[in-house]
Amino acid sequence: MTIPASAHVGRLYLESRHLPAAQGGSGDIHDAMATPFGIRLLIGDVMGTGPLAHRTGLSVLDAWRELAWAEPSLADIAVRLHALIARSDHPERFVTALLVNFPATPDTDRATGSWMELVCCGHPPPLLLRGGSAAVIQPCPAPPLGLLDLADGWCQASMFPVGEGDQLLLYTDGVSEARDAAGRFFPLAERTAQALSPSGAAPPDGVAGPHLLDALVAGLHDHVGGQARDDVLLLLASMRLAAGLLGQPGQKRLDEPRRDRVSRSLASSDASVKGFSMRLTPGSSTPWVSKTP
């Protein structure tokens, strides 16, 4: 079953798709937050699948939500998440992770849209979608969270320019390492470019996410013959929104950095039942902040 979710966070529009490989939850996680330092995204993949990987993912998400709000440095957040995993009851369960920050302007606390900061800890590199093309961008590499001691416990942020209309596609290795019957990997960049509009123009509503992600999910399903062996997570961040396009019906805006949105326990949501990345208010089907698979 594919679980979709969407939300606005500041000037970003987020679309995501999740396909768990096993019962009892997924080890794939992601989150999006408006913070005093900008709009911050996390995508991660816990080693393994099933309930234990799911519980590890919950612990990482809880820690991320506290750190993303309070810690100015994205690299320092990664180092502290690494320490959490390395000192846990299951230190062997490393987590690949990609942390992203769209810095806020001093006066508005909104993403400027001019550049983004990335910290990559053993995670597949994202795709930058621009003008109908899809290009892999390569942040400074570091080992996964839980294995950062292999790099002296250190990682480094990388800066990349972005602009209005750009999209950032994040994903887990259940996408990039999916194989067909002949053992060939899923050609994500090629399929993404094929799914984009030939002109590279945004649709009238300014959001190209649903069509693109659904096309990728369908292509992935065909590639593996309907037999996915790993959790799959796709997250698309679109920087296409003019002020008048925010707050479309059925979509929640998360553009103000409010502490109470990130301090609640995951136990207060039904995320573990309904899965995936837009966290739900109890008793509601409306996503209001990212939740877990």
C-alpha atoms as a PDB file:
ATOM      1  CA  MET A   1       0.000   0.000   0.000  1.00  0.00           C
ATOM      2  CA  THR A   2       1.280   3.459  -0.902  1.00  0.00           C
ATOM      3  CA  ILE A   3       0.699   6.111   1.773  1.00  0.00           C
ATOM      4  CA  PRO A   4       0.652   9.707   0.472  1.00  0.00           C
ATOM      5  CA  ALA A   5       0.972  12.937   2.420  1.00  0.00           C
ATOM      6  CA  SER A   6       1.388  16.629   1.689  1.00  0.00           C
ATOM      7  CA  ALA A   7       1.806  19.941   3.514  1.00  0.00           C
ATOM      8  CA  HIS A   8       3.046  23.501   3.172  1.00  0.00           C
ATOM      9  CA  VAL A   9       5.988  24.558   5.334  1.00  0.00           C
ATOM     10  CA  GLY A  10       6.764  28.208   4.745  1.00  0.00           C
ATOM     11  CA  ARG A  11       7.508  28.667   1.054  1.00  0.00           C
ATOM     12  CA  LEU A  12       8.016  24.934   0.574  1.00  0.00           C
ATOM     13  CA  TYR A  13       5.374  22.520  -0.623  1.00  0.00           C
ATOM     14  CA  LEU A  14       6.092  18.939   0.458  1.00  0.00           C
ATOM     15  CA  GLU A  15       4.778  15.768  -1.154  1.00  0.00           C
ATOM     16  CA  SER A  16       5.748  12.291  -0.006  1.00  0.00           C
ATOM     17  CA  ARG A  17       5.036   8.652  -0.753  1.00  0.00           C
ATOM     18  CA  HIS A  18       5.793   5.689   1.483  1.00  0.00           C
ATOM     19  CA  LEU A  19       5.672   1.964   0.781  1.00  0.00           C
ATOM     20  CA  PRO A  20       6.490  -0.152   3.888  1.00  0.00           C
ATOM     21  CA  ALA A  21       8.051  -3.521   3.092  1.00  0.00           C
ATOM     22  CA  ALA A  22       6.926  -5.297   6.274  1.00  0.00           C
ATOM     23  CA  GLN A  23       4.195  -5.320   8.884  1.00  0.00           C
ATOM     24  CA  GLY A  24       4.817  -3.520  12.157  1.00  0.00           C
ATOM     25  CA  GLY A  25       6.200  -0.261  10.822  1.00  0.00           C
ATOM     26  CA  SER A  26       9.050   1.001   8.718  1.00  0.00           C
ATOM     27  CA  GLY A  27      12.608   2.106   9.367  1.00  0.00           C
ATOM     28  CA  ASP A  28      12.273   4.948   6.854  1.00  0.00           C
ATOM     29  CA  ILE A  29      11.604   8.335   8.480  1.00  0.00           C
ATOM     30  CA  HIS A  30      11.235  11.943   7.510  1.00  0.00           C
ATOM     31  CA  ASP A  31      10.207  15.238   9.042  1.00  0.00           C
ATOM     32  CA  ALA A  32       9.768  18.905   8.136  1.00  0.00           C
ATOM     33  CA  MET A  33       9.859  21.812  10.586  1.00  0.00           C
ATOM     34  CA  ALA A  34       9.719  25.585  10.576  1.00  0.00           C
ATOM     35  CA  THR A  35      12.383  26.670  13.084  1.00  0.00           C
ATOM     36  CA  PRO A  36      14.060  29.954  14.069  1.00  0.00           C
ATOM     37  CA  PHE A  37      16.949  28.938  11.792  1.00  0.00           C
ATOM     38  CA  GLY A  38      14.878  28.168   8.697  1.00  0.00           C
ATOM     39  CA  ILE A  39      12.855  25.342   7.228  1.00  0.00           C
ATOM     40  CA  ARG A  40      14.512  22.055   8.143  1.00  0.00           C
ATOM     41  CA  LEU A  41      14.005  18.629   6.571  1.00  0.00           C
ATOM     42  CA  LEU A  42      15.140  15.181   7.624  1.00  0.00           C
ATOM     43  CA  ILE A  43      15.020  11.916   5.724  1.00  0.00           C
ATOM     44  CA  GLY A  44      16.533   8.782   7.200  1.00  0.00           C
ATOM     45  CA  ASP A  45      16.725   5.023   6.853  1.00  0.00           C
ATOM     46  CA  VAL A  46      17.276   2.765   9.860  1.00  0.00           C
ATOM     47  CA  MET A  47      19.136  -0.462   9.148  1.00  0.00           C
ATOM     48  CA  GLY A  48      16.640  -3.270   8.707  1.00  0.00           C
ATOM     49  CA  THR A  49      12.839  -3.307   8.594  1.00  0.00           C
ATOM     50  CA  GLY A  50       9.971  -4.116  10.915  1.00  0.00           C
ATOM     51  CA  PRO A  51       9.163  -3.168  14.528  1.00  0.00           C
ATOM     52  CA  LEU A  52      12.714  -2.774  15.862  1.00  0.00           C
ATOM     53  CA  ALA A  53      13.739  -0.492  12.998  1.00  0.00           C
ATOM     54  CA  HIS A  54      10.498   1.407  13.490  1.00  0.00           C
ATOM     55  CA  ARG A  55      11.182   1.998  17.189  1.00  0.00           C
ATOM     56  CA  THR A  56      14.698   3.193  16.428  1.00  0.00           C
ATOM     57  CA  GLY A  57      13.236   5.582  13.884  1.00  0.00           C
ATOM     58  CA  LEU A  58      10.839   6.979  16.475  1.00  0.00           C
ATOM     59  CA  SER A  59      13.731   7.677  18.854  1.00  0.00           C
ATOM     60  CA  VAL A  60      15.684   9.469  16.140  1.00  0.00           C
ATOM     61  CA  LEU A  61      12.660  11.572  15.169  1.00  0.00           C
ATOM     62  CA  ASP A  62      11.947  12.595  18.754  1.00  0.00           C
ATOM     63  CA  ALA A  63      15.558  13.709  19.213  1.00  0.00           C
ATOM     64  CA  TRP A  64      15.607  15.460  15.834  1.00  0.00           C
ATOM     65  CA  ARG A  65      12.547  17.533  16.694  1.00  0.00           C
ATOM     66  CA  GLU A  66      14.151  18.840  19.849  1.00  0.00           C
ATOM     67  CA  LEU A  67      17.538  19.481  18.263  1.00  0.00           C
ATOM     68  CA  ALA A  68      16.253  21.031  15.045  1.00  0.00           C
ATOM     69  CA  TRP A  69      14.454  23.670  17.072  1.00  0.00           C
ATOM     70  CA  ALA A  70      17.300  24.515  19.451  1.00  0.00           C
ATOM     71  CA  GLU A  71      20.574  23.829  17.608  1.00  0.00           C
ATOM     72  CA  PRO A  72      21.811  26.420  15.056  1.00  0.00           C
ATOM     73  CA  SER A  73      24.306  24.060  13.375  1.00  0.00           C
ATOM     74  CA  LEU A  74      22.974  21.320  11.113  1.00  0.00           C
ATOM     75  CA  ALA A  75      26.242  19.384  11.411  1.00  0.00           C
ATOM     76  CA  ASP A  76      26.049  19.525  15.205  1.00  0.00           C
ATOM     77  CA  ILE A  77      22.530  18.075  15.058  1.00  0.00           C
ATOM     78  CA  ALA A  78      23.895  15.121  13.083  1.00  0.00           C
ATOM     79  CA  VAL A  79      26.724  14.582  15.595  1.00  0.00           C
ATOM     80  CA  ARG A  80      24.292  14.567  18.507  1.00  0.00           C
ATOM     81  CA  LEU A  81      21.927  12.158  16.729  1.00  0.00           C
ATOM     82  CA  HIS A  82      24.931   9.908  16.123  1.00  0.00           C
ATOM     83  CA  ALA A  83      25.717   9.930  19.849  1.00  0.00           C
ATOM     84  CA  LEU A  84      22.110   8.954  20.632  1.00  0.00           C
ATOM     85  CA  ILE A  85      22.348   5.892  18.383  1.00  0.00           C
ATOM     86  CA  ALA A  86      25.888   4.903  19.394  1.00  0.00           C
ATOM     87  CA  ARG A  87      24.908   4.886  23.080  1.00  0.00           C
ATOM     88  CA  SER A  88      21.545   3.172  22.606  1.00  0.00           C
ATOM     89  CA  ASP A  89      20.599  -0.416  23.444  1.00  0.00           C
ATOM     90  CA  HIS A  90      21.055  -1.282  19.750  1.00  0.00           C
ATOM     91  CA  PRO A  91      24.164   0.612  18.607  1.00  0.00           C
ATOM     92  CA  GLU A  92      24.498  -1.727  15.621  1.00  0.00           C
ATOM     93  CA  ARG A  93      21.366  -0.188  14.080  1.00  0.00           C
ATOM     94  CA  PHE A  94      22.989   2.645  12.220  1.00  0.00           C
ATOM     95  CA  VAL A  95      20.842   5.208  10.412  1.00  0.00           C
ATOM     96  CA  THR A  96      21.617   6.831   7.089  1.00  0.00           C
ATOM     97  CA  ALA A  97      20.345  10.414   7.107  1.00  0.00           C
ATOM     98  CA  LEU A  98      20.169  13.549   4.995  1.00  0.00           C
ATOM     99  CA  LEU A  99      19.553  16.819   6.865  1.00  0.00           C
ATOM    100  CA  VAL A 100      18.515  19.939   4.935  1.00  0.00           C
ATOM    101  CA  ASN A 101      18.113  23.550   5.991  1.00  0.00           C
ATOM    102  CA  PHE A 102      16.625  26.394   3.956  1.00  0.00           C
ATOM    103  CA  PRO A 103      17.932  29.324   6.021  1.00  0.00           C
ATOM    104  CA  ALA A 104      15.536  31.946   7.323  1.00  0.00           C
ATOM    105  CA  THR A 105      15.887  35.662   6.703  1.00  0.00           C
ATOM    106  CA  PRO A 106      16.515  37.615   9.928  1.00  0.00           C
ATOM    107  CA  ASP A 107      13.286  39.593   9.736  1.00  0.00           C
ATOM    108  CA  THR A 108      10.750  37.024   8.561  1.00  0.00           C
ATOM    109  CA  ASP A 109      12.056  33.612   9.654  1.00  0.00           C
ATOM    110  CA  ARG A 110      11.023  32.330   6.224  1.00  0.00           C
ATOM    111  CA  ALA A 111      13.158  30.379   3.774  1.00  0.00           C
ATOM    112  CA  THR A 112      14.980  32.766   1.449  1.00  0.00           C
ATOM    113  CA  GLY A 113      15.005  30.350  -1.457  1.00  0.00           C
ATOM    114  CA  SER A 114      18.504  31.425  -2.494  1.00  0.00           C
ATOM    115  CA  TRP A 115      20.538  28.534  -1.073  1.00  0.00           C
ATOM    116  CA  MET A 116      20.251  25.401   0.997  1.00  0.00           C
ATOM    117  CA  GLU A 117      22.486  23.634   3.476  1.00  0.00           C
ATOM    118  CA  LEU A 118      22.882  19.841   3.405  1.00  0.00           C
ATOM    119  CA  VAL A 119      24.503  17.337   5.768  1.00  0.00           C
ATOM    120  CA  CYS A 120      24.722  13.810   4.370  1.00  0.00           C
ATOM    121  CA  CYS A 121      25.460  10.878   6.659  1.00  0.00           C
ATOM    122  CA  GLY A 122      25.681   7.772   4.489  1.00  0.00           C
ATOM    123  CA  HIS A 123      22.411   8.581   2.705  1.00  0.00           C
ATOM    124  CA  PRO A 124      21.755   8.515  -1.054  1.00  0.00           C
ATOM    125  CA  PRO A 125      22.349  11.999  -2.527  1.00  0.00           C
ATOM    126  CA  PRO A 126      19.281  14.044  -3.496  1.00  0.00           C
ATOM    127  CA  LEU A 127      18.209  15.099  -6.970  1.00  0.00           C
ATOM    128  CA  LEU A 128      17.834  18.765  -7.867  1.00  0.00           C
ATOM    129  CA  LEU A 129      15.027  19.240 -10.381  1.00  0.00           C
ATOM    130  CA  ARG A 130      15.320  22.369 -12.498  1.00  0.00           C
ATOM    131  CA  GLY A 131      14.044  23.294 -15.948  1.00  0.00           C
ATOM    132  CA  GLY A 132      12.818  19.797 -16.778  1.00  0.00           C
ATOM    133  CA  SER A 133      16.111  18.103 -15.821  1.00  0.00           C
ATOM    134  CA  ALA A 134      17.161  16.009 -12.817  1.00  0.00           C
ATOM    135  CA  ALA A 135      20.732  16.240 -11.518  1.00  0.00           C
ATOM    136  CA  VAL A 136      22.362  14.447  -8.597  1.00  0.00           C
ATOM    137  CA  ILE A 137      23.960  16.831  -6.116  1.00  0.00           C
ATOM    138  CA  GLN A 138      26.765  15.506  -3.966  1.00  0.00           C
ATOM    139  CA  PRO A 139      27.072  16.885  -0.414  1.00  0.00           C
ATOM    140  CA  CYS A 140      30.243  16.283   1.550  1.00  0.00           C
ATOM    141  CA  PRO A 141      29.998  12.584   2.515  1.00  0.00           C
ATOM    142  CA  ALA A 142      30.115  11.201   6.045  1.00  0.00           C
ATOM    143  CA  PRO A 143      29.373   7.768   7.569  1.00  0.00           C
ATOM    144  CA  PRO A 144      25.858   6.957   8.775  1.00  0.00           C
ATOM    145  CA  LEU A 145      24.609   8.081  12.175  1.00  0.00           C
ATOM    146  CA  GLY A 146      25.918   5.561  14.679  1.00  0.00           C
ATOM    147  CA  LEU A 147      29.118   5.098  12.645  1.00  0.00           C
ATOM    148  CA  LEU A 148      30.439   8.664  12.630  1.00  0.00           C
ATOM    149  CA  ASP A 149      33.349   7.545  14.805  1.00  0.00           C
ATOM    150  CA  LEU A 150      34.785   6.141  11.576  1.00  0.00           C
ATOM    151  CA  ALA A 151      35.260   9.790  10.580  1.00  0.00           C
ATOM    152  CA  ASP A 152      36.451  10.914  14.018  1.00  0.00           C
ATOM    153  CA  GLY A 153      32.865  11.730  15.001  1.00  0.00           C
ATOM    154  CA  TRP A 154      32.713  14.597  12.511  1.00  0.00           C
ATOM    155  CA  CYS A 155      30.652  15.681   9.504  1.00  0.00           C
ATOM    156  CA  GLN A 156      30.461  18.794   7.342  1.00  0.00           C
ATOM    157  CA  ALA A 157      27.660  20.854   5.816  1.00  0.00           C
ATOM    158  CA  SER A 158      27.583  21.674   2.097  1.00  0.00           C
ATOM    159  CA  MET A 159      25.906  24.710   0.519  1.00  0.00           C
ATOM    160  CA  PHE A 160      24.016  24.680  -2.789  1.00  0.00           C
ATOM    161  CA  PRO A 161      22.216  27.522  -4.612  1.00  0.00           C
ATOM    162  CA  VAL A 162      18.489  27.118  -5.235  1.00  0.00           C
ATOM    163  CA  GLY A 163      15.842  29.355  -6.726  1.00  0.00           C
ATOM    164  CA  GLU A 164      12.128  29.792  -7.310  1.00  0.00           C
ATOM    165  CA  GLY A 165      10.760  26.789  -9.175  1.00  0.00           C
ATOM    166  CA  ASP A 166      13.493  24.373  -8.062  1.00  0.00           C
ATOM    167  CA  GLN A 167      12.531  21.043  -6.522  1.00  0.00           C
ATOM    168  CA  LEU A 168      14.560  18.756  -4.286  1.00  0.00           C
ATOM    169  CA  LEU A 169      13.852  15.027  -4.432  1.00  0.00           C
ATOM    170  CA  LEU A 170      14.947  13.024  -1.385  1.00  0.00           C
ATOM    171  CA  TYR A 171      14.584   9.260  -1.169  1.00  0.00           C
ATOM    172  CA  THR A 172      15.787   6.144   0.637  1.00  0.00           C
ATOM    173  CA  ASP A 173      17.835   3.296  -0.799  1.00  0.00           C
ATOM    174  CA  GLY A 174      14.679   1.248  -1.210  1.00  0.00           C
ATOM    175  CA  VAL A 175      14.265   3.397  -4.318  1.00  0.00           C
ATOM    176  CA  SER A 176      17.808   3.761  -5.646  1.00  0.00           C
ATOM    177  CA  GLU A 177      18.860   0.171  -4.897  1.00  0.00           C
ATOM    178  CA  ALA A 178      15.686  -1.552  -6.087  1.00  0.00           C
ATOM    179  CA  ARG A 179      16.587  -4.209  -8.672  1.00  0.00           C
ATOM    180  CA  ASP A 180      14.684  -5.833 -11.486  1.00  0.00           C
ATOM    181  CA  ALA A 181      14.789  -9.546 -12.354  1.00  0.00           C
ATOM    182  CA  ALA A 182      18.104  -9.028 -14.176  1.00  0.00           C
ATOM    183  CA  GLY A 183      19.685  -7.327 -11.164  1.00  0.00           C
ATOM    184  CA  ARG A 184      19.625  -3.812 -12.650  1.00  0.00           C
ATOM    185  CA  PHE A 185      19.112  -0.849 -10.311  1.00  0.00           C
ATOM    186  CA  PHE A 186      16.103   1.412 -10.697  1.00  0.00           C
ATOM    187  CA  PRO A 187      17.256   4.374 -12.881  1.00  0.00           C
ATOM    188  CA  LEU A 188      15.850   7.083 -10.634  1.00  0.00           C
ATOM    189  CA  ALA A 189      17.379  10.155 -12.283  1.00  0.00           C
ATOM    190  CA  GLU A 190      16.361   8.967 -15.745  1.00  0.00           C
ATOM    191  CA  ARG A 191      12.793   8.122 -14.699  1.00  0.00           C
ATOM    192  CA  THR A 192      12.497  11.440 -12.867  1.00  0.00           C
ATOM    193  CA  ALA A 193      13.567  13.414 -15.945  1.00  0.00           C
ATOM    194  CA  GLN A 194      11.098  11.458 -18.078  1.00  0.00           C
ATOM    195  CA  ALA A 195       8.260  12.207 -15.651  1.00  0.00           C
ATOM    196  CA  LEU A 196       8.930  15.951 -15.595  1.00  0.00           C
ATOM    197  CA  SER A 197       7.193  18.302 -17.996  1.00  0.00           C
ATOM    198  CA  PRO A 198       9.271  18.609 -21.193  1.00  0.00           C
ATOM    199  CA  SER A 199       9.156  22.385 -20.891  1.00  0.00           C
ATOM    200  CA  GLY A 200      10.150  22.322 -17.233  1.00  0.00           C
ATOM    201  CA  ALA A 201       7.288  24.722 -16.520  1.00  0.00           C
ATOM    202  CA  ALA A 202       5.282  24.537 -13.336  1.00  0.00           C
ATOM    203  CA  PRO A 203       1.605  23.555 -13.653  1.00  0.00           C
ATOM    204  CA  PRO A 204      -1.049  26.247 -13.081  1.00  0.00           C
ATOM    205  CA  ASP A 205      -1.315  25.543  -9.355  1.00  0.00           C
ATOM    206  CA  GLY A 206       2.470  25.818  -8.977  1.00  0.00           C
ATOM    207  CA  VAL A 207       2.848  22.272  -7.606  1.00  0.00           C
ATOM    208  CA  ALA A 208       4.233  19.385  -9.672  1.00  0.00           C
ATOM    209  CA  GLY A 209       4.678  16.913  -6.827  1.00  0.00           C
ATOM    210  CA  PRO A 210       1.738  14.480  -6.974  1.00  0.00           C
ATOM    211  CA  HIS A 211       2.136  13.585 -10.667  1.00  0.00           C
ATOM    212  CA  LEU A 212       5.889  13.112 -10.378  1.00  0.00           C
ATOM    213  CA  LEU A 213       5.849  10.951  -7.245  1.00  0.00           C
ATOM    214  CA  ASP A 214       2.976   8.808  -8.454  1.00  0.00           C
ATOM    215  CA  ALA A 215       4.830   8.235 -11.743  1.00  0.00           C
ATOM    216  CA  LEU A 216       7.966   7.200  -9.840  1.00  0.00           C
ATOM    217  CA  VAL A 217       6.024   4.842  -7.562  1.00  0.00           C
ATOM    218  CA  ALA A 218       4.376   3.215 -10.597  1.00  0.00           C
ATOM    219  CA  GLY A 219       7.724   2.910 -12.369  1.00  0.00           C
ATOM    220  CA  LEU A 220       9.352   1.402  -9.299  1.00  0.00           C
ATOM    221  CA  HIS A 221       6.512  -1.097  -8.928  1.00  0.00           C
ATOM    222  CA  ASP A 222       6.964  -2.217 -12.530  1.00  0.00           C
ATOM    223  CA  HIS A 223      10.749  -2.362 -12.158  1.00  0.00           C
ATOM    224  CA  VAL A 224      10.665  -4.817  -9.241  1.00  0.00           C
ATOM    225  CA  GLY A 225       7.717  -6.784 -10.599  1.00  0.00           C
ATOM    226  CA  GLY A 226       5.510  -5.764  -7.680  1.00  0.00           C
ATOM    227  CA  GLN A 227       7.867  -7.432  -5.181  1.00  0.00           C
ATOM    228  CA  ALA A 228       9.498  -4.629  -3.162  1.00  0.00           C
ATOM    229  CA  ARG A 229      11.991  -6.048  -0.647  1.00  0.00           C
ATOM    230  CA  ASP A 230      12.830  -2.844   1.201  1.00  0.00           C
ATOM    231  CA  ASP A 231      10.965   0.133   2.617  1.00  0.00           C
ATOM    232  CA  VAL A 232      10.457   2.909   0.075  1.00  0.00           C
ATOM    233  CA  LEU A 233      10.217   6.614   0.862  1.00  0.00           C
ATOM    234  CA  LEU A 234      10.108   9.571  -1.544  1.00  0.00           C
ATOM    235  CA  LEU A 235      10.017  13.199  -0.401  1.00  0.00           C
ATOM    236  CA  LEU A 236       9.714  16.110  -2.825  1.00  0.00           C
ATOM    237  CA  ALA A 237      10.261  19.701  -1.663  1.00  0.00           C
ATOM    238  CA  SER A 238       9.039  22.298  -4.163  1.00  0.00           C
ATOM    239  CA  MET A 239      10.085  25.953  -4.018  1.00  0.00           C
ATOM    240  CA  ARG A 240       7.336  27.145  -6.303  1.00  0.00           C
ATOM    241  CA  LEU A 241       4.829  28.869  -4.074  1.00  0.00           C
ATOM    242  CA  ALA A 242       3.766  32.472  -4.378  1.00  0.00           C
ATOM    243  CA  ALA A 243       2.040  33.937  -1.338  1.00  0.00           C
ATOM    244  CA  GLY A 244      -1.389  33.573  -2.910  1.00  0.00           C
ATOM    245  CA  LEU A 245      -0.931  29.828  -3.355  1.00  0.00           C
ATOM    246  CA  LEU A 246      -0.381  29.026   0.310  1.00  0.00           C
ATOM    247  CA  GLY A 247      -3.119  27.367   2.269  1.00  0.00           C
ATOM    248  CA  GLN A 248      -4.958  25.482  -0.486  1.00  0.00           C
ATOM    249  CA  PRO A 249      -8.011  23.494   0.660  1.00  0.00           C
ATOM    250  CA  GLY A 250      -7.102  20.303   2.474  1.00  0.00           C
ATOM    251  CA  GLN A 251      -3.483  21.282   3.008  1.00  0.00           C
ATOM    252  CA  LYS A 252      -2.067  22.565   6.261  1.00  0.00           C
ATOM    253  CA  ARG A 253       0.345  25.480   6.502  1.00  0.00           C
ATOM    254  CA  LEU A 254       3.302  25.056   8.839  1.00  0.00           C
ATOM    255  CA  ASP A 255       5.118  28.281   8.066  1.00  0.00           C
ATOM    256  CA  GLU A 256       5.414  29.722  11.583  1.00  0.00           C
ATOM    257  CA  PRO A 257       8.152  28.355  13.874  1.00  0.00           C
ATOM    258  CA  ARG A 258       6.119  27.348  16.906  1.00  0.00           C
ATOM    259  CA  ARG A 259       7.695  25.358  19.709  1.00  0.00           C
ATOM    260  CA  ASP A 260       4.509  23.490  20.623  1.00  0.00           C
ATOM    261  CA  ARG A 261       4.437  21.902  17.194  1.00  0.00           C
ATOM    262  CA  VAL A 262       7.617  19.947  17.825  1.00  0.00           C
ATOM    263  CA  SER A 263       7.596  19.227  21.537  1.00  0.00           C
ATOM    264  CA  ARG A 264       4.741  16.759  21.685  1.00  0.00           C
ATOM    265  CA  SER A 265       5.509  13.078  22.082  1.00  0.00           C
ATOM    266  CA  LEU A 266       4.999  10.847  19.068  1.00  0.00           C
ATOM    267  CA  ALA A 267       2.734   8.786  21.292  1.00  0.00           C
ATOM    268  CA  SER A 268       0.110  11.541  21.005  1.00  0.00           C
ATOM    269  CA  SER A 269      -0.365  10.842  17.298  1.00  0.00           C
ATOM    270  CA  ASP A 270      -1.616   7.818  15.393  1.00  0.00           C
ATOM    271  CA  ALA A 271       1.442   7.873  13.160  1.00  0.00           C
ATOM    272  CA  SER A 272       2.444   4.272  13.863  1.00  0.00           C
ATOM    273  CA  VAL A 273      -0.945   3.095  12.612  1.00  0.00           C
ATOM    274  CA  LYS A 274      -1.538   5.316   9.614  1.00  0.00           C
ATOM    275  CA  GLY A 275       2.124   5.564   8.729  1.00  0.00           C
ATOM    276  CA  PHE A 276       4.157   8.147   6.994  1.00  0.00           C
ATOM    277  CA  SER A 277       5.347  11.518   7.229  1.00  0.00           C
ATOM    278  CA  MET A 278       2.718  14.097   7.928  1.00  0.00           C
ATOM    279  CA  ARG A 279       1.940  13.793  11.600  1.00  0.00           C
ATOM    280  CA  LEU A 280      -1.761  13.659  12.488  1.00  0.00           C
ATOM    281  CA  THR A 281      -3.711  15.353  15.211  1.00  0.00           C
ATOM    282  CA  PRO A 282      -5.543  12.617  17.167  1.00  0.00           C
ATOM    283  CA  GLY A 283      -8.954  11.987  15.636  1.00  0.00           C
ATOM    284  CA  SER A 284      -8.153  13.949  12.485  1.00  0.00           C
ATOM    285  CA  SER A 285      -7.070  12.958   8.981  1.00  0.00           C
ATOM    286  CA  THR A 286      -5.412  16.326   8.349  1.00  0.00           C
ATOM    287  CA  PRO A 287      -1.588  16.330   8.405  1.00  0.00           C
ATOM    288  CA  TRP A 288      -0.143  19.088  10.597  1.00  0.00           C
ATOM    289  CA  VAL A 289       3.487  18.189  11.064  1.00  0.00           C
ATOM    290  CA  SER A 290       5.589  15.280   9.881  1.00  0.00           C
ATOM    291  CA  LYS A 291       5.056  11.921  11.418  1.00  0.00           C
ATOM    292  CA  THR A 292       6.752   8.540  11.099  1.00  0.00           C
ATOM    293  CA  PRO A 293       6.038   5.625   8.836  1.00  0.00           C
END
